[in-house]
Amino acid sequence: LVYRKTARNFGPVMATAARLVVAQVTEVVETGELDPEAVVTPSIYVDRVVRVGGGER
């Protein structure tokens, strides 16, 4: 997961501590499209992915 704005404060800590992690995303990309250095929470911590309509960027 890559976070935006204030979600970066508590998101990574909560994802590692939670029993169930649901990621709400606007876009799902193929493996290798993201810079590995930009990924804050590895996919191993994500249990579900919910894709929603694109919003502001």
PDB file of N, CA and C in Angstrom:
ATOM      1  N   LEU A   1       0.829  -1.183   0.000  1.00  0.00           N
ATOM      2  CA  LEU A   1       0.000   0.000   0.000  1.00  0.00           C
ATOM      3  C   LEU A   1       0.868   1.239   0.000  1.00  0.00           C
ATOM      4  N   VAL A   2       0.400   2.229  -0.706  1.00  0.00           N
ATOM      5  CA  VAL A   2       1.029   3.536  -0.715  1.00  0.00           C
ATOM      6  C   VAL A   2      -0.018   4.498  -0.170  1.00  0.00           C
ATOM      7  N   TYR A   3       0.339   5.264   0.847  1.00  0.00           N
ATOM      8  CA  TYR A   3      -0.621   6.143   1.513  1.00  0.00           C
ATOM      9  C   TYR A   3      -0.530   7.565   0.991  1.00  0.00           C
ATOM     10  N   ARG A   4      -1.641   8.297   1.162  1.00  0.00           N
ATOM     11  CA  ARG A   4      -1.681   9.713   0.816  1.00  0.00           C
ATOM     12  C   ARG A   4      -1.993  10.520   2.067  1.00  0.00           C
ATOM     13  N   LYS A   5      -1.412  11.669   2.145  1.00  0.00           N
ATOM     14  CA  LYS A   5      -1.699  12.664   3.175  1.00  0.00           C
ATOM     15  C   LYS A   5      -1.573  12.093   4.579  1.00  0.00           C
ATOM     16  N   THR A   6      -2.545  12.343   5.455  1.00  0.00           N
ATOM     17  CA  THR A   6      -2.420  11.952   6.861  1.00  0.00           C
ATOM     18  C   THR A   6      -2.588  10.458   7.098  1.00  0.00           C
ATOM     19  N   ALA A   7      -3.035   9.707   6.125  1.00  0.00           N
ATOM     20  CA  ALA A   7      -3.159   8.252   6.300  1.00  0.00           C
ATOM     21  C   ALA A   7      -1.799   7.623   6.575  1.00  0.00           C
ATOM     22  N   ARG A   8      -0.747   8.314   6.219  1.00  0.00           N
ATOM     23  CA  ARG A   8       0.607   7.803   6.428  1.00  0.00           C
ATOM     24  C   ARG A   8       0.969   7.746   7.914  1.00  0.00           C
ATOM     25  N   ASN A   9       0.279   8.531   8.756  1.00  0.00           N
ATOM     26  CA  ASN A   9       0.604   8.586  10.182  1.00  0.00           C
ATOM     27  C   ASN A   9       0.343   7.273  10.903  1.00  0.00           C
ATOM     28  N   PHE A  10      -0.885   6.756  10.814  1.00  0.00           N
ATOM     29  CA  PHE A  10      -1.259   5.577  11.577  1.00  0.00           C
ATOM     30  C   PHE A  10      -1.554   4.349  10.724  1.00  0.00           C
ATOM     31  N   GLY A  11      -1.734   4.520   9.432  1.00  0.00           N
ATOM     32  CA  GLY A  11      -2.074   3.409   8.551  1.00  0.00           C
ATOM     33  C   GLY A  11      -1.124   2.228   8.615  1.00  0.00           C
ATOM     34  N   PRO A  12       0.174   2.446   8.468  1.00  0.00           N
ATOM     35  CA  PRO A  12       1.110   1.318   8.490  1.00  0.00           C
ATOM     36  C   PRO A  12       1.122   0.574   9.816  1.00  0.00           C
ATOM     37  N   VAL A  13       1.058   1.296  10.918  1.00  0.00           N
ATOM     38  CA  VAL A  13       1.069   0.659  12.236  1.00  0.00           C
ATOM     39  C   VAL A  13      -0.199  -0.155  12.441  1.00  0.00           C
ATOM     40  N   MET A  14      -1.335   0.398  12.065  1.00  0.00           N
ATOM     41  CA  MET A  14      -2.603  -0.313  12.226  1.00  0.00           C
ATOM     42  C   MET A  14      -2.662  -1.547  11.326  1.00  0.00           C
ATOM     43  N   ALA A  15      -2.124  -1.460  10.133  1.00  0.00           N
ATOM     44  CA  ALA A  15      -2.140  -2.600   9.215  1.00  0.00           C
ATOM     45  C   ALA A  15      -1.334  -3.768   9.761  1.00  0.00           C
ATOM     46  N   THR A  16      -0.234  -3.487  10.421  1.00  0.00           N
ATOM     47  CA  THR A  16       0.577  -4.573  10.966  1.00  0.00           C
ATOM     48  C   THR A  16      -0.018  -5.151  12.235  1.00  0.00           C
ATOM     49  N   ALA A  17      -0.836  -4.373  12.953  1.00  0.00           N
ATOM     50  CA  ALA A  17      -1.405  -4.836  14.219  1.00  0.00           C
ATOM     51  C   ALA A  17      -2.797  -5.443  14.074  1.00  0.00           C
ATOM     52  N   ALA A  18      -3.495  -5.158  12.996  1.00  0.00           N
ATOM     53  CA  ALA A  18      -4.891  -5.571  12.843  1.00  0.00           C
ATOM     54  C   ALA A  18      -5.027  -7.054  12.509  1.00  0.00           C
ATOM     55  N   ARG A  19      -6.170  -7.602  12.895  1.00  0.00           N
ATOM     56  CA  ARG A  19      -6.487  -8.989  12.530  1.00  0.00           C
ATOM     57  C   ARG A  19      -6.976  -9.083  11.093  1.00  0.00           C
ATOM     58  N   LEU A  20      -7.655  -8.035  10.629  1.00  0.00           N
ATOM     59  CA  LEU A  20      -8.184  -7.996   9.265  1.00  0.00           C
ATOM     60  C   LEU A  20      -7.899  -6.616   8.682  1.00  0.00           C
ATOM     61  N   VAL A  21      -7.258  -6.583   7.524  1.00  0.00           N
ATOM     62  CA  VAL A  21      -6.938  -5.318   6.863  1.00  0.00           C
ATOM     63  C   VAL A  21      -7.676  -5.267   5.537  1.00  0.00           C
ATOM     64  N   VAL A  22      -8.495  -4.224   5.361  1.00  0.00           N
ATOM     65  CA  VAL A  22      -9.210  -3.991   4.117  1.00  0.00           C
ATOM     66  C   VAL A  22      -8.631  -2.725   3.500  1.00  0.00           C
ATOM     67  N   ALA A  23      -8.101  -2.837   2.305  1.00  0.00           N
ATOM     68  CA  ALA A  23      -7.524  -1.687   1.605  1.00  0.00           C
ATOM     69  C   ALA A  23      -8.539  -1.146   0.613  1.00  0.00           C
ATOM     70  N   GLN A  24      -8.909   0.130   0.777  1.00  0.00           N
ATOM     71  CA  GLN A  24      -9.793   0.797  -0.166  1.00  0.00           C
ATOM     72  C   GLN A  24      -8.906   1.516  -1.167  1.00  0.00           C
ATOM     73  N   VAL A  25      -8.970   1.106  -2.428  1.00  0.00           N
ATOM     74  CA  VAL A  25      -8.074   1.654  -3.448  1.00  0.00           C
ATOM     75  C   VAL A  25      -8.862   2.232  -4.611  1.00  0.00           C
ATOM     76  N   THR A  26      -8.254   3.177  -5.307  1.00  0.00           N
ATOM     77  CA  THR A  26      -8.875   3.726  -6.512  1.00  0.00           C
ATOM     78  C   THR A  26      -8.318   3.077  -7.766  1.00  0.00           C
ATOM     79  N   GLU A  27      -7.170   2.426  -7.623  1.00  0.00           N
ATOM     80  CA  GLU A  27      -6.534   1.798  -8.782  1.00  0.00           C
ATOM     81  C   GLU A  27      -5.739   0.578  -8.342  1.00  0.00           C
ATOM     82  N   VAL A  28      -5.845  -0.488  -9.108  1.00  0.00           N
ATOM     83  CA  VAL A  28      -5.055  -1.698  -8.882  1.00  0.00           C
ATOM     84  C   VAL A  28      -4.073  -1.798 -10.044  1.00  0.00           C
ATOM     85  N   VAL A  29      -2.792  -1.941  -9.720  1.00  0.00           N
ATOM     86  CA  VAL A  29      -1.765  -1.985 -10.763  1.00  0.00           C
ATOM     87  C   VAL A  29      -1.100  -3.358 -10.787  1.00  0.00           C
ATOM     88  N   GLU A  30      -0.451  -3.644 -11.890  1.00  0.00           N
ATOM     89  CA  GLU A  30       0.247  -4.915 -12.055  1.00  0.00           C
ATOM     90  C   GLU A  30       1.503  -4.952 -11.187  1.00  0.00           C
ATOM     91  N   THR A  31       1.945  -6.151 -10.883  1.00  0.00           N
ATOM     92  CA  THR A  31       3.177  -6.332 -10.125  1.00  0.00           C
ATOM     93  C   THR A  31       4.340  -5.682 -10.866  1.00  0.00           C
ATOM     94  N   GLY A  32       5.132  -4.916 -10.139  1.00  0.00           N
ATOM     95  CA  GLY A  32       6.287  -4.260 -10.723  1.00  0.00           C
ATOM     96  C   GLY A  32       6.056  -2.837 -11.180  1.00  0.00           C
ATOM     97  N   GLU A  33       4.803  -2.371 -11.179  1.00  0.00           N
ATOM     98  CA  GLU A  33       4.520  -1.009 -11.638  1.00  0.00           C
ATOM     99  C   GLU A  33       4.841   0.051 -10.589  1.00  0.00           C
ATOM    100  N   LEU A  34       4.878  -0.326  -9.325  1.00  0.00           N
ATOM    101  CA  LEU A  34       5.194   0.625  -8.259  1.00  0.00           C
ATOM    102  C   LEU A  34       6.663   0.530  -7.886  1.00  0.00           C
ATOM    103  N   ASP A  35       7.222   1.667  -7.538  1.00  0.00           N
ATOM    104  CA  ASP A  35       8.589   1.694  -7.042  1.00  0.00           C
ATOM    105  C   ASP A  35       8.611   0.999  -5.682  1.00  0.00           C
ATOM    106  N   PRO A  36       9.390  -0.054  -5.500  1.00  0.00           N
ATOM    107  CA  PRO A  36       9.423  -0.778  -4.226  1.00  0.00           C
ATOM    108  C   PRO A  36       9.765   0.109  -3.039  1.00  0.00           C
ATOM    109  N   GLU A  37      10.518   1.168  -3.259  1.00  0.00           N
ATOM    110  CA  GLU A  37      10.871   2.086  -2.174  1.00  0.00           C
ATOM    111  C   GLU A  37       9.681   2.932  -1.731  1.00  0.00           C
ATOM    112  N   ALA A  38       8.640   3.052  -2.579  1.00  0.00           N
ATOM    113  CA  ALA A  38       7.464   3.859  -2.249  1.00  0.00           C
ATOM    114  C   ALA A  38       6.405   3.060  -1.503  1.00  0.00           C
ATOM    115  N   VAL A  39       6.505   1.747  -1.520  1.00  0.00           N
ATOM    116  CA  VAL A  39       5.516   0.898  -0.850  1.00  0.00           C
ATOM    117  C   VAL A  39       5.755   0.949   0.649  1.00  0.00           C
ATOM    118  N   VAL A  40       4.713   1.327   1.401  1.00  0.00           N
ATOM    119  CA  VAL A  40       4.833   1.484   2.846  1.00  0.00           C
ATOM    120  C   VAL A  40       4.383   0.222   3.568  1.00  0.00           C
ATOM    121  N   THR A  41       3.276  -0.364   3.133  1.00  0.00           N
ATOM    122  CA  THR A  41       2.758  -1.583   3.747  1.00  0.00           C
ATOM    123  C   THR A  41       2.770  -2.702   2.710  1.00  0.00           C
ATOM    124  N   PRO A  42       3.557  -3.748   2.920  1.00  0.00           N
ATOM    125  CA  PRO A  42       3.608  -4.858   1.969  1.00  0.00           C
ATOM    126  C   PRO A  42       2.269  -5.601   1.883  1.00  0.00           C
ATOM    127  N   SER A  43       2.037  -6.236   0.770  1.00  0.00           N
ATOM    128  CA  SER A  43       0.768  -6.938   0.536  1.00  0.00           C
ATOM    129  C   SER A  43       0.514  -8.072   1.513  1.00  0.00           C
ATOM    130  N   ILE A  44       1.530  -8.569   2.163  1.00  0.00           N
ATOM    131  CA  ILE A  44       1.353  -9.659   3.124  1.00  0.00           C
ATOM    132  C   ILE A  44       0.418  -9.253   4.259  1.00  0.00           C
ATOM    133  N   TYR A  45       0.305  -7.957   4.545  1.00  0.00           N
ATOM    134  CA  TYR A  45      -0.558  -7.465   5.617  1.00  0.00           C
ATOM    135  C   TYR A  45      -1.987  -7.198   5.163  1.00  0.00           C
ATOM    136  N   VAL A  46      -2.264  -7.237   3.864  1.00  0.00           N
ATOM    137  CA  VAL A  46      -3.588  -6.902   3.332  1.00  0.00           C
ATOM    138  C   VAL A  46      -4.396  -8.172   3.105  1.00  0.00           C
ATOM    139  N   ASP A  47      -5.605  -8.213   3.705  1.00  0.00           N
ATOM    140  CA  ASP A  47      -6.474  -9.377   3.565  1.00  0.00           C
ATOM    141  C   ASP A  47      -7.513  -9.209   2.459  1.00  0.00           C
ATOM    142  N   ARG A  48      -8.019  -7.995   2.274  1.00  0.00           N
ATOM    143  CA  ARG A  48      -9.050  -7.729   1.276  1.00  0.00           C
ATOM    144  C   ARG A  48      -8.727  -6.419   0.558  1.00  0.00           C
ATOM    145  N   VAL A  49      -9.118  -6.336  -0.714  1.00  0.00           N
ATOM    146  CA  VAL A  49      -8.950  -5.110  -1.493  1.00  0.00           C
ATOM    147  C   VAL A  49     -10.303  -4.735  -2.072  1.00  0.00           C
ATOM    148  N   VAL A  50     -10.717  -3.484  -1.838  1.00  0.00           N
ATOM    149  CA  VAL A  50     -11.976  -2.971  -2.366  1.00  0.00           C
ATOM    150  C   VAL A  50     -11.637  -1.819  -3.301  1.00  0.00           C
ATOM    151  N   ARG A  51     -11.993  -1.981  -4.569  1.00  0.00           N
ATOM    152  CA  ARG A  51     -11.720  -0.927  -5.553  1.00  0.00           C
ATOM    153  C   ARG A  51     -12.935  -0.017  -5.639  1.00  0.00           C
ATOM    154  N   VAL A  52     -12.707   1.284  -5.476  1.00  0.00           N
ATOM    155  CA  VAL A  52     -13.776   2.279  -5.546  1.00  0.00           C
ATOM    156  C   VAL A  52     -13.496   3.219  -6.706  1.00  0.00           C
ATOM    157  N   GLY A  53     -14.495   4.001  -7.082  1.00  0.00           N
ATOM    158  CA  GLY A  53     -14.324   4.945  -8.181  1.00  0.00           C
ATOM    159  C   GLY A  53     -13.224   5.936  -7.910  1.00  0.00           C
ATOM    160  N   GLY A  54     -12.616   6.412  -8.977  1.00  0.00           N
ATOM    161  CA  GLY A  54     -11.529   7.380  -8.844  1.00  0.00           C
ATOM    162  C   GLY A  54     -12.030   8.696  -8.288  1.00  0.00           C
ATOM    163  N   GLY A  55     -11.275   9.276  -7.416  1.00  0.00           N
ATOM    164  CA  GLY A  55     -11.622  10.559  -6.825  1.00  0.00           C
ATOM    165  C   GLY A  55     -10.568  11.579  -7.165  1.00  0.00           C
ATOM    166  N   GLU A  56     -10.371  12.519  -6.252  1.00  0.00           N
ATOM    167  CA  GLU A  56      -9.346  13.536  -6.452  1.00  0.00           C
ATOM    168  C   GLU A  56      -7.963  12.910  -6.434  1.00  0.00           C
ATOM    169  N   ARG A  57      -7.033  13.531  -7.063  1.00  0.00           N
ATOM    170  CA  ARG A  57      -5.647  13.049  -7.051  1.00  0.00           C
ATOM    171  C   ARG A  57      -4.756  14.110  -6.527  1.00  0.00           C
TER     172      ARG A  57
END
